[in-house]
Amino acid sequence: MLNFTSLDVYRSRLCWYDYIEVRDGHWKKAPLIGRYCGEKIPEPIISSDSRLWIEFRSSSNYVGKGFHAVYEAVSVDVSGSM
C-alpha cells in the first residue's frame, strides 16, 4: 500500500509537466493506477503485486516541495479486504 503524506507538485489540467505517475507493477508499461499533481493527496493506493512503479517528473519552471509517500506491505484476503 502506498500512502502519500504530502504533495506539492505543479498542477496542470492533465498533469502534463510535473507529476507523479504510479503503475501497478515493476516497469514503465505496467497498468497505470494514476497520475498525480497539485496539492490534493490521493487516497491510499493498493497494488495487485508487491511492486509499484513510481515516476516523478518535474520541469524547472515551478519549484514545489515535491512529495512524500510511505510504502507498506499489507495482507489482503481473497475478498480484497485488508
PDB file of N, CA and C in Angstrom:
ATOM      1  N   MET A   1       0.851  -1.166   0.000  1.00  0.00           N
ATOM      2  CA  MET A   1       0.000   0.000   0.000  1.00  0.00           C
ATOM      3  C   MET A   1       0.899   1.232   0.000  1.00  0.00           C
ATOM      4  N   LEU A   2       0.536   2.207  -0.818  1.00  0.00           N
ATOM      5  CA  LEU A   2       1.284   3.454  -0.920  1.00  0.00           C
ATOM      6  C   LEU A   2       0.416   4.576  -0.382  1.00  0.00           C
ATOM      7  N   ASN A   3       0.923   5.274   0.637  1.00  0.00           N
ATOM      8  CA  ASN A   3       0.221   6.407   1.232  1.00  0.00           C
ATOM      9  C   ASN A   3       1.021   7.677   1.006  1.00  0.00           C
ATOM     10  N   PHE A   4       0.433   8.630   0.316  1.00  0.00           N
ATOM     11  CA  PHE A   4       1.049   9.943   0.187  1.00  0.00           C
ATOM     12  C   PHE A   4       0.750  10.722   1.463  1.00  0.00           C
ATOM     13  N   THR A   5       1.776  11.303   2.058  1.00  0.00           N
ATOM     14  CA  THR A   5       1.581  12.120   3.257  1.00  0.00           C
ATOM     15  C   THR A   5       1.688  13.603   2.942  1.00  0.00           C
ATOM     16  N   SER A   6       2.326  13.945   1.823  1.00  0.00           N
ATOM     17  CA  SER A   6       2.356  15.333   1.360  1.00  0.00           C
ATOM     18  C   SER A   6       2.515  15.332  -0.157  1.00  0.00           C
ATOM     19  N   LEU A   7       2.001  16.395  -0.771  1.00  0.00           N
ATOM     20  CA  LEU A   7       2.079  16.528  -2.222  1.00  0.00           C
ATOM     21  C   LEU A   7       2.063  18.013  -2.567  1.00  0.00           C
ATOM     22  N   ASP A   8       3.108  18.468  -3.237  1.00  0.00           N
ATOM     23  CA  ASP A   8       3.200  19.854  -3.697  1.00  0.00           C
ATOM     24  C   ASP A   8       3.955  19.847  -5.025  1.00  0.00           C
ATOM     25  N   VAL A   9       3.222  19.541  -6.086  1.00  0.00           N
ATOM     26  CA  VAL A   9       3.775  19.423  -7.427  1.00  0.00           C
ATOM     27  C   VAL A   9       2.931  20.311  -8.340  1.00  0.00           C
ATOM     28  N   TYR A  10       3.559  21.056  -9.221  1.00  0.00           N
ATOM     29  CA  TYR A  10       2.837  21.980 -10.099  1.00  0.00           C
ATOM     30  C   TYR A  10       1.607  21.311 -10.706  1.00  0.00           C
ATOM     31  N   ARG A  11       0.473  22.003 -10.599  1.00  0.00           N
ATOM     32  CA  ARG A  11      -0.787  21.459 -11.095  1.00  0.00           C
ATOM     33  C   ARG A  11      -1.081  22.013 -12.482  1.00  0.00           C
ATOM     34  N   SER A  12      -1.295  21.114 -13.424  1.00  0.00           N
ATOM     35  CA  SER A  12      -1.781  21.477 -14.753  1.00  0.00           C
ATOM     36  C   SER A  12      -2.991  20.597 -15.048  1.00  0.00           C
ATOM     37  N   ARG A  13      -3.764  20.969 -16.029  1.00  0.00           N
ATOM     38  CA  ARG A  13      -5.031  20.291 -16.289  1.00  0.00           C
ATOM     39  C   ARG A  13      -4.885  18.774 -16.420  1.00  0.00           C
ATOM     40  N   LEU A  14      -3.908  18.307 -17.131  1.00  0.00           N
ATOM     41  CA  LEU A  14      -3.719  16.873 -17.339  1.00  0.00           C
ATOM     42  C   LEU A  14      -2.467  16.342 -16.642  1.00  0.00           C
ATOM     43  N   CYS A  15      -1.951  17.110 -15.680  1.00  0.00           N
ATOM     44  CA  CYS A  15      -0.683  16.744 -15.014  1.00  0.00           C
ATOM     45  C   CYS A  15       0.380  16.458 -16.074  1.00  0.00           C
ATOM     46  N   TRP A  16       0.541  17.381 -17.000  1.00  0.00           N
ATOM     47  CA  TRP A  16       1.411  17.160 -18.151  1.00  0.00           C
ATOM     48  C   TRP A  16       2.879  17.446 -17.857  1.00  0.00           C
ATOM     49  N   TYR A  17       3.183  18.512 -17.124  1.00  0.00           N
ATOM     50  CA  TYR A  17       4.573  18.941 -16.956  1.00  0.00           C
ATOM     51  C   TYR A  17       5.242  18.333 -15.729  1.00  0.00           C
ATOM     52  N   ASP A  18       4.606  18.448 -14.598  1.00  0.00           N
ATOM     53  CA  ASP A  18       5.140  17.916 -13.341  1.00  0.00           C
ATOM     54  C   ASP A  18       4.120  16.920 -12.805  1.00  0.00           C
ATOM     55  N   TYR A  19       4.581  15.744 -12.436  1.00  0.00           N
ATOM     56  CA  TYR A  19       3.633  14.735 -11.952  1.00  0.00           C
ATOM     57  C   TYR A  19       4.344  13.586 -11.251  1.00  0.00           C
ATOM     58  N   ILE A  20       3.555  12.817 -10.539  1.00  0.00           N
ATOM     59  CA  ILE A  20       3.976  11.531 -10.002  1.00  0.00           C
ATOM     60  C   ILE A  20       3.068  10.507 -10.660  1.00  0.00           C
ATOM     61  N   GLU A  21       3.665   9.555 -11.338  1.00  0.00           N
ATOM     62  CA  GLU A  21       2.905   8.513 -12.021  1.00  0.00           C
ATOM     63  C   GLU A  21       3.107   7.210 -11.262  1.00  0.00           C
ATOM     64  N   VAL A  22       2.014   6.517 -10.979  1.00  0.00           N
ATOM     65  CA  VAL A  22       2.074   5.252 -10.241  1.00  0.00           C
ATOM     66  C   VAL A  22       1.496   4.154 -11.124  1.00  0.00           C
ATOM     67  N   ARG A  23       2.270   3.085 -11.293  1.00  0.00           N
ATOM     68  CA  ARG A  23       1.840   1.945 -12.109  1.00  0.00           C
ATOM     69  C   ARG A  23       1.855   0.668 -11.277  1.00  0.00           C
ATOM     70  N   ASP A  24       0.951  -0.233 -11.610  1.00  0.00           N
ATOM     71  CA  ASP A  24       0.753  -1.475 -10.863  1.00  0.00           C
ATOM     72  C   ASP A  24       1.679  -2.569 -11.376  1.00  0.00           C
ATOM     73  N   GLY A  25       2.939  -2.495 -10.993  1.00  0.00           N
ATOM     74  CA  GLY A  25       3.924  -3.466 -11.439  1.00  0.00           C
ATOM     75  C   GLY A  25       5.318  -2.885 -11.340  1.00  0.00           C
ATOM     76  N   HIS A  26       6.273  -3.581 -11.917  1.00  0.00           N
ATOM     77  CA  HIS A  26       7.675  -3.206 -11.732  1.00  0.00           C
ATOM     78  C   HIS A  26       8.306  -2.487 -12.922  1.00  0.00           C
ATOM     79  N   TRP A  27       7.508  -2.046 -13.903  1.00  0.00           N
ATOM     80  CA  TRP A  27       8.120  -1.370 -15.040  1.00  0.00           C
ATOM     81  C   TRP A  27       7.196  -0.332 -15.651  1.00  0.00           C
ATOM     82  N   LYS A  28       7.746   0.489 -16.540  1.00  0.00           N
ATOM     83  CA  LYS A  28       7.074   1.652 -17.132  1.00  0.00           C
ATOM     84  C   LYS A  28       5.780   1.300 -17.873  1.00  0.00           C
ATOM     85  N   LYS A  29       5.678   0.108 -18.406  1.00  0.00           N
ATOM     86  CA  LYS A  29       4.495  -0.271 -19.184  1.00  0.00           C
ATOM     87  C   LYS A  29       3.461  -1.050 -18.372  1.00  0.00           C
ATOM     88  N   ALA A  30       3.650  -1.122 -17.067  1.00  0.00           N
ATOM     89  CA  ALA A  30       2.651  -1.767 -16.203  1.00  0.00           C
ATOM     90  C   ALA A  30       1.368  -0.931 -16.231  1.00  0.00           C
ATOM     91  N   PRO A  31       0.222  -1.516 -15.871  1.00  0.00           N
ATOM     92  CA  PRO A  31      -1.041  -0.765 -15.902  1.00  0.00           C
ATOM     93  C   PRO A  31      -0.980   0.502 -15.039  1.00  0.00           C
ATOM     94  N   LEU A  32      -1.471   1.592 -15.604  1.00  0.00           N
ATOM     95  CA  LEU A  32      -1.471   2.878 -14.909  1.00  0.00           C
ATOM     96  C   LEU A  32      -2.519   2.883 -13.800  1.00  0.00           C
ATOM     97  N   ILE A  33      -2.093   3.228 -12.592  1.00  0.00           N
ATOM     98  CA  ILE A  33      -3.021   3.423 -11.477  1.00  0.00           C
ATOM     99  C   ILE A  33      -3.464   4.878 -11.454  1.00  0.00           C
ATOM    100  N   GLY A  34      -2.514   5.803 -11.605  1.00  0.00           N
ATOM    101  CA  GLY A  34      -2.877   7.212 -11.602  1.00  0.00           C
ATOM    102  C   GLY A  34      -1.692   8.110 -11.842  1.00  0.00           C
ATOM    103  N   ARG A  35      -2.009   9.344 -12.223  1.00  0.00           N
ATOM    104  CA  ARG A  35      -1.011  10.395 -12.403  1.00  0.00           C
ATOM    105  C   ARG A  35      -1.470  11.544 -11.519  1.00  0.00           C
ATOM    106  N   TYR A  36      -0.580  12.018 -10.653  1.00  0.00           N
ATOM    107  CA  TYR A  36      -0.967  12.966  -9.615  1.00  0.00           C
ATOM    108  C   TYR A  36      -0.123  14.232  -9.700  1.00  0.00           C
ATOM    109  N   CYS A  37      -0.788  15.373  -9.485  1.00  0.00           N
ATOM    110  CA  CYS A  37      -0.120  16.661  -9.416  1.00  0.00           C
ATOM    111  C   CYS A  37      -0.975  17.582  -8.561  1.00  0.00           C
ATOM    112  N   GLY A  38      -0.470  18.767  -8.296  1.00  0.00           N
ATOM    113  CA  GLY A  38      -1.192  19.701  -7.442  1.00  0.00           C
ATOM    114  C   GLY A  38      -0.867  19.461  -5.977  1.00  0.00           C
ATOM    115  N   GLU A  39      -1.853  19.714  -5.121  1.00  0.00           N
ATOM    116  CA  GLU A  39      -1.645  19.572  -3.674  1.00  0.00           C
ATOM    117  C   GLU A  39      -2.632  18.618  -3.021  1.00  0.00           C
ATOM    118  N   LYS A  40      -3.565  18.058  -3.813  1.00  0.00           N
ATOM    119  CA  LYS A  40      -4.562  17.142  -3.246  1.00  0.00           C
ATOM    120  C   LYS A  40      -3.952  15.749  -3.094  1.00  0.00           C
ATOM    121  N   ILE A  41      -3.903  15.274  -1.871  1.00  0.00           N
ATOM    122  CA  ILE A  41      -3.312  13.967  -1.581  1.00  0.00           C
ATOM    123  C   ILE A  41      -4.285  12.875  -2.013  1.00  0.00           C
ATOM    124  N   PRO A  42      -3.828  11.926  -2.842  1.00  0.00           N
ATOM    125  CA  PRO A  42      -4.725  10.856  -3.282  1.00  0.00           C
ATOM    126  C   PRO A  42      -5.028   9.863  -2.158  1.00  0.00           C
ATOM    127  N   GLU A  43      -6.079   9.090  -2.362  1.00  0.00           N
ATOM    128  CA  GLU A  43      -6.412   8.004  -1.442  1.00  0.00           C
ATOM    129  C   GLU A  43      -5.259   6.995  -1.446  1.00  0.00           C
ATOM    130  N   PRO A  44      -5.141   6.176  -0.384  1.00  0.00           N
ATOM    131  CA  PRO A  44      -4.106   5.134  -0.382  1.00  0.00           C
ATOM    132  C   PRO A  44      -4.227   4.243  -1.623  1.00  0.00           C
ATOM    133  N   ILE A  45      -3.085   3.843  -2.157  1.00  0.00           N
ATOM    134  CA  ILE A  45      -3.035   3.040  -3.378  1.00  0.00           C
ATOM    135  C   ILE A  45      -2.620   1.624  -3.011  1.00  0.00           C
ATOM    136  N   ILE A  46      -3.407   0.656  -3.448  1.00  0.00           N
ATOM    137  CA  ILE A  46      -3.105  -0.751  -3.185  1.00  0.00           C
ATOM    138  C   ILE A  46      -2.752  -1.406  -4.512  1.00  0.00           C
ATOM    139  N   SER A  47      -1.605  -2.047  -4.551  1.00  0.00           N
ATOM    140  CA  SER A  47      -1.168  -2.718  -5.773  1.00  0.00           C
ATOM    141  C   SER A  47      -1.671  -4.156  -5.781  1.00  0.00           C
ATOM    142  N   SER A  48      -1.688  -4.763  -6.959  1.00  0.00           N
ATOM    143  CA  SER A  48      -2.104  -6.163  -7.069  1.00  0.00           C
ATOM    144  C   SER A  48      -0.921  -7.101  -6.846  1.00  0.00           C
ATOM    145  N   ASP A  49       0.269  -6.542  -6.727  1.00  0.00           N
ATOM    146  CA  ASP A  49       1.504  -7.304  -6.561  1.00  0.00           C
ATOM    147  C   ASP A  49       2.290  -6.647  -5.430  1.00  0.00           C
ATOM    148  N   SER A  50       3.508  -7.075  -5.235  1.00  0.00           N
ATOM    149  CA  SER A  50       4.340  -6.487  -4.182  1.00  0.00           C
ATOM    150  C   SER A  50       5.164  -5.307  -4.689  1.00  0.00           C
ATOM    151  N   ARG A  51       4.940  -4.902  -5.949  1.00  0.00           N
ATOM    152  CA  ARG A  51       5.755  -3.835  -6.529  1.00  0.00           C
ATOM    153  C   ARG A  51       4.889  -2.774  -7.198  1.00  0.00           C
ATOM    154  N   LEU A  52       5.396  -1.550  -7.143  1.00  0.00           N
ATOM    155  CA  LEU A  52       4.792  -0.418  -7.845  1.00  0.00           C
ATOM    156  C   LEU A  52       5.889   0.316  -8.597  1.00  0.00           C
ATOM    157  N   TRP A  53       5.557   0.864  -9.749  1.00  0.00           N
ATOM    158  CA  TRP A  53       6.461   1.739 -10.490  1.00  0.00           C
ATOM    159  C   TRP A  53       6.050   3.163 -10.158  1.00  0.00           C
ATOM    160  N   ILE A  54       6.975   3.947  -9.630  1.00  0.00           N
ATOM    161  CA  ILE A  54       6.693   5.334  -9.283  1.00  0.00           C
ATOM    162  C   ILE A  54       7.672   6.215 -10.045  1.00  0.00           C
ATOM    163  N   GLU A  55       7.135   7.116 -10.853  1.00  0.00           N
ATOM    164  CA  GLU A  55       7.976   8.032 -11.625  1.00  0.00           C
ATOM    165  C   GLU A  55       7.625   9.464 -11.242  1.00  0.00           C
ATOM    166  N   PHE A  56       8.637  10.232 -10.868  1.00  0.00           N
ATOM    167  CA  PHE A  56       8.459  11.644 -10.546  1.00  0.00           C
ATOM    168  C   PHE A  56       9.066  12.461 -11.669  1.00  0.00           C
ATOM    169  N   ARG A  57       8.259  13.294 -12.304  1.00  0.00           N
ATOM    170  CA  ARG A  57       8.719  14.127 -13.406  1.00  0.00           C
ATOM    171  C   ARG A  57       8.522  15.580 -13.013  1.00  0.00           C
ATOM    172  N   SER A  58       9.544  16.403 -13.210  1.00  0.00           N
ATOM    173  CA  SER A  58       9.442  17.809 -12.841  1.00  0.00           C
ATOM    174  C   SER A  58      10.216  18.672 -13.827  1.00  0.00           C
ATOM    175  N   SER A  59       9.634  19.810 -14.170  1.00  0.00           N
ATOM    176  CA  SER A  59      10.325  20.780 -15.012  1.00  0.00           C
ATOM    177  C   SER A  59      11.004  21.798 -14.098  1.00  0.00           C
ATOM    178  N   SER A  60      11.778  22.672 -14.676  1.00  0.00           N
ATOM    179  CA  SER A  60      12.457  23.690 -13.868  1.00  0.00           C
ATOM    180  C   SER A  60      11.644  24.980 -13.761  1.00  0.00           C
ATOM    181  N   ASN A  61      10.433  24.977 -14.292  1.00  0.00           N
ATOM    182  CA  ASN A  61       9.620  26.195 -14.321  1.00  0.00           C
ATOM    183  C   ASN A  61       8.905  26.486 -13.010  1.00  0.00           C
ATOM    184  N   TYR A  62       8.661  25.490 -12.206  1.00  0.00           N
ATOM    185  CA  TYR A  62       7.923  25.664 -10.958  1.00  0.00           C
ATOM    186  C   TYR A  62       8.676  24.942  -9.858  1.00  0.00           C
ATOM    187  N   VAL A  63       8.816  25.600  -8.733  1.00  0.00           N
ATOM    188  CA  VAL A  63       9.515  24.976  -7.613  1.00  0.00           C
ATOM    189  C   VAL A  63       8.497  24.696  -6.515  1.00  0.00           C
ATOM    190  N   GLY A  64       8.204  23.423  -6.320  1.00  0.00           N
ATOM    191  CA  GLY A  64       7.320  22.995  -5.240  1.00  0.00           C
ATOM    192  C   GLY A  64       8.122  22.169  -4.255  1.00  0.00           C
ATOM    193  N   LYS A  65       7.475  21.723  -3.226  1.00  0.00           N
ATOM    194  CA  LYS A  65       8.153  20.918  -2.209  1.00  0.00           C
ATOM    195  C   LYS A  65       8.316  19.466  -2.634  1.00  0.00           C
ATOM    196  N   GLY A  66       7.597  19.043  -3.674  1.00  0.00           N
ATOM    197  CA  GLY A  66       7.674  17.656  -4.108  1.00  0.00           C
ATOM    198  C   GLY A  66       6.627  16.810  -3.416  1.00  0.00           C
ATOM    199  N   PHE A  67       7.027  15.627  -2.972  1.00  0.00           N
ATOM    200  CA  PHE A  67       6.065  14.745  -2.322  1.00  0.00           C
ATOM    201  C   PHE A  67       6.763  13.859  -1.305  1.00  0.00           C
ATOM    202  N   HIS A  68       5.967  13.280  -0.438  1.00  0.00           N
ATOM    203  CA  HIS A  68       6.443  12.268   0.498  1.00  0.00           C
ATOM    204  C   HIS A  68       5.400  11.171   0.518  1.00  0.00           C
ATOM    205  N   ALA A  69       5.851   9.941   0.398  1.00  0.00           N
ATOM    206  CA  ALA A  69       4.942   8.802   0.417  1.00  0.00           C
ATOM    207  C   ALA A  69       5.581   7.669   1.203  1.00  0.00           C
ATOM    208  N   VAL A  70       4.740   6.835   1.780  1.00  0.00           N
ATOM    209  CA  VAL A  70       5.197   5.683   2.553  1.00  0.00           C
ATOM    210  C   VAL A  70       4.635   4.428   1.900  1.00  0.00           C
ATOM    211  N   TYR A  71       5.509   3.457   1.623  1.00  0.00           N
ATOM    212  CA  TYR A  71       5.092   2.174   1.056  1.00  0.00           C
ATOM    213  C   TYR A  71       5.103   1.153   2.173  1.00  0.00           C
ATOM    214  N   GLU A  72       4.008   0.430   2.307  1.00  0.00           N
ATOM    215  CA  GLU A  72       3.864  -0.533   3.396  1.00  0.00           C
ATOM    216  C   GLU A  72       3.293  -1.832   2.848  1.00  0.00           C
ATOM    217  N   ALA A  73       3.875  -2.955   3.259  1.00  0.00           N
ATOM    218  CA  ALA A  73       3.332  -4.262   2.881  1.00  0.00           C
ATOM    219  C   ALA A  73       2.152  -4.578   3.787  1.00  0.00           C
ATOM    220  N   VAL A  74       1.025  -4.912   3.188  1.00  0.00           N
ATOM    221  CA  VAL A  74      -0.176  -5.269   3.946  1.00  0.00           C
ATOM    222  C   VAL A  74      -0.718  -6.580   3.411  1.00  0.00           C
ATOM    223  N   SER A  75      -1.382  -7.317   4.272  1.00  0.00           N
ATOM    224  CA  SER A  75      -2.022  -8.566   3.863  1.00  0.00           C
ATOM    225  C   SER A  75      -3.424  -8.261   3.363  1.00  0.00           C
ATOM    226  N   VAL A  76      -3.776  -8.849   2.233  1.00  0.00           N
ATOM    227  CA  VAL A  76      -5.111  -8.688   1.671  1.00  0.00           C
ATOM    228  C   VAL A  76      -5.709 -10.073   1.518  1.00  0.00           C
ATOM    229  N   ASP A  77      -6.947 -10.262   2.041  1.00  0.00           N
ATOM    230  CA  ASP A  77      -7.574 -11.575   1.883  1.00  0.00           C
ATOM    231  C   ASP A  77      -8.165 -11.695   0.480  1.00  0.00           C
ATOM    232  N   VAL A  78      -8.695 -12.861   0.138  1.00  0.00           N
ATOM    233  CA  VAL A  78      -9.176 -13.107  -1.220  1.00  0.00           C
ATOM    234  C   VAL A  78     -10.355 -12.223  -1.609  1.00  0.00           C
ATOM    235  N   SER A  79     -11.069 -11.657  -0.645  1.00  0.00           N
ATOM    236  CA  SER A  79     -12.192 -10.772  -0.963  1.00  0.00           C
ATOM    237  C   SER A  79     -11.723  -9.364  -1.295  1.00  0.00           C
ATOM    238  N   GLY A  80     -10.428  -9.074  -1.062  1.00  0.00           N
ATOM    239  CA  GLY A  80      -9.882  -7.755  -1.346  1.00  0.00           C
ATOM    240  C   GLY A  80      -9.816  -6.852  -0.139  1.00  0.00           C
ATOM    241  N   SER A  81     -10.275  -7.327   1.023  1.00  0.00           N
ATOM    242  CA  SER A  81     -10.215  -6.527   2.249  1.00  0.00           C
ATOM    243  C   SER A  81      -8.850  -6.644   2.889  1.00  0.00           C
ATOM    244  N   MET A  82      -8.495  -5.593   3.643  1.00  0.00           N
ATOM    245  CA  MET A  82      -7.213  -5.629   4.357  1.00  0.00           C
ATOM    246  C   MET A  82      -7.423  -6.168   5.750  1.00  0.00           C
TER     247      MET A  82
END
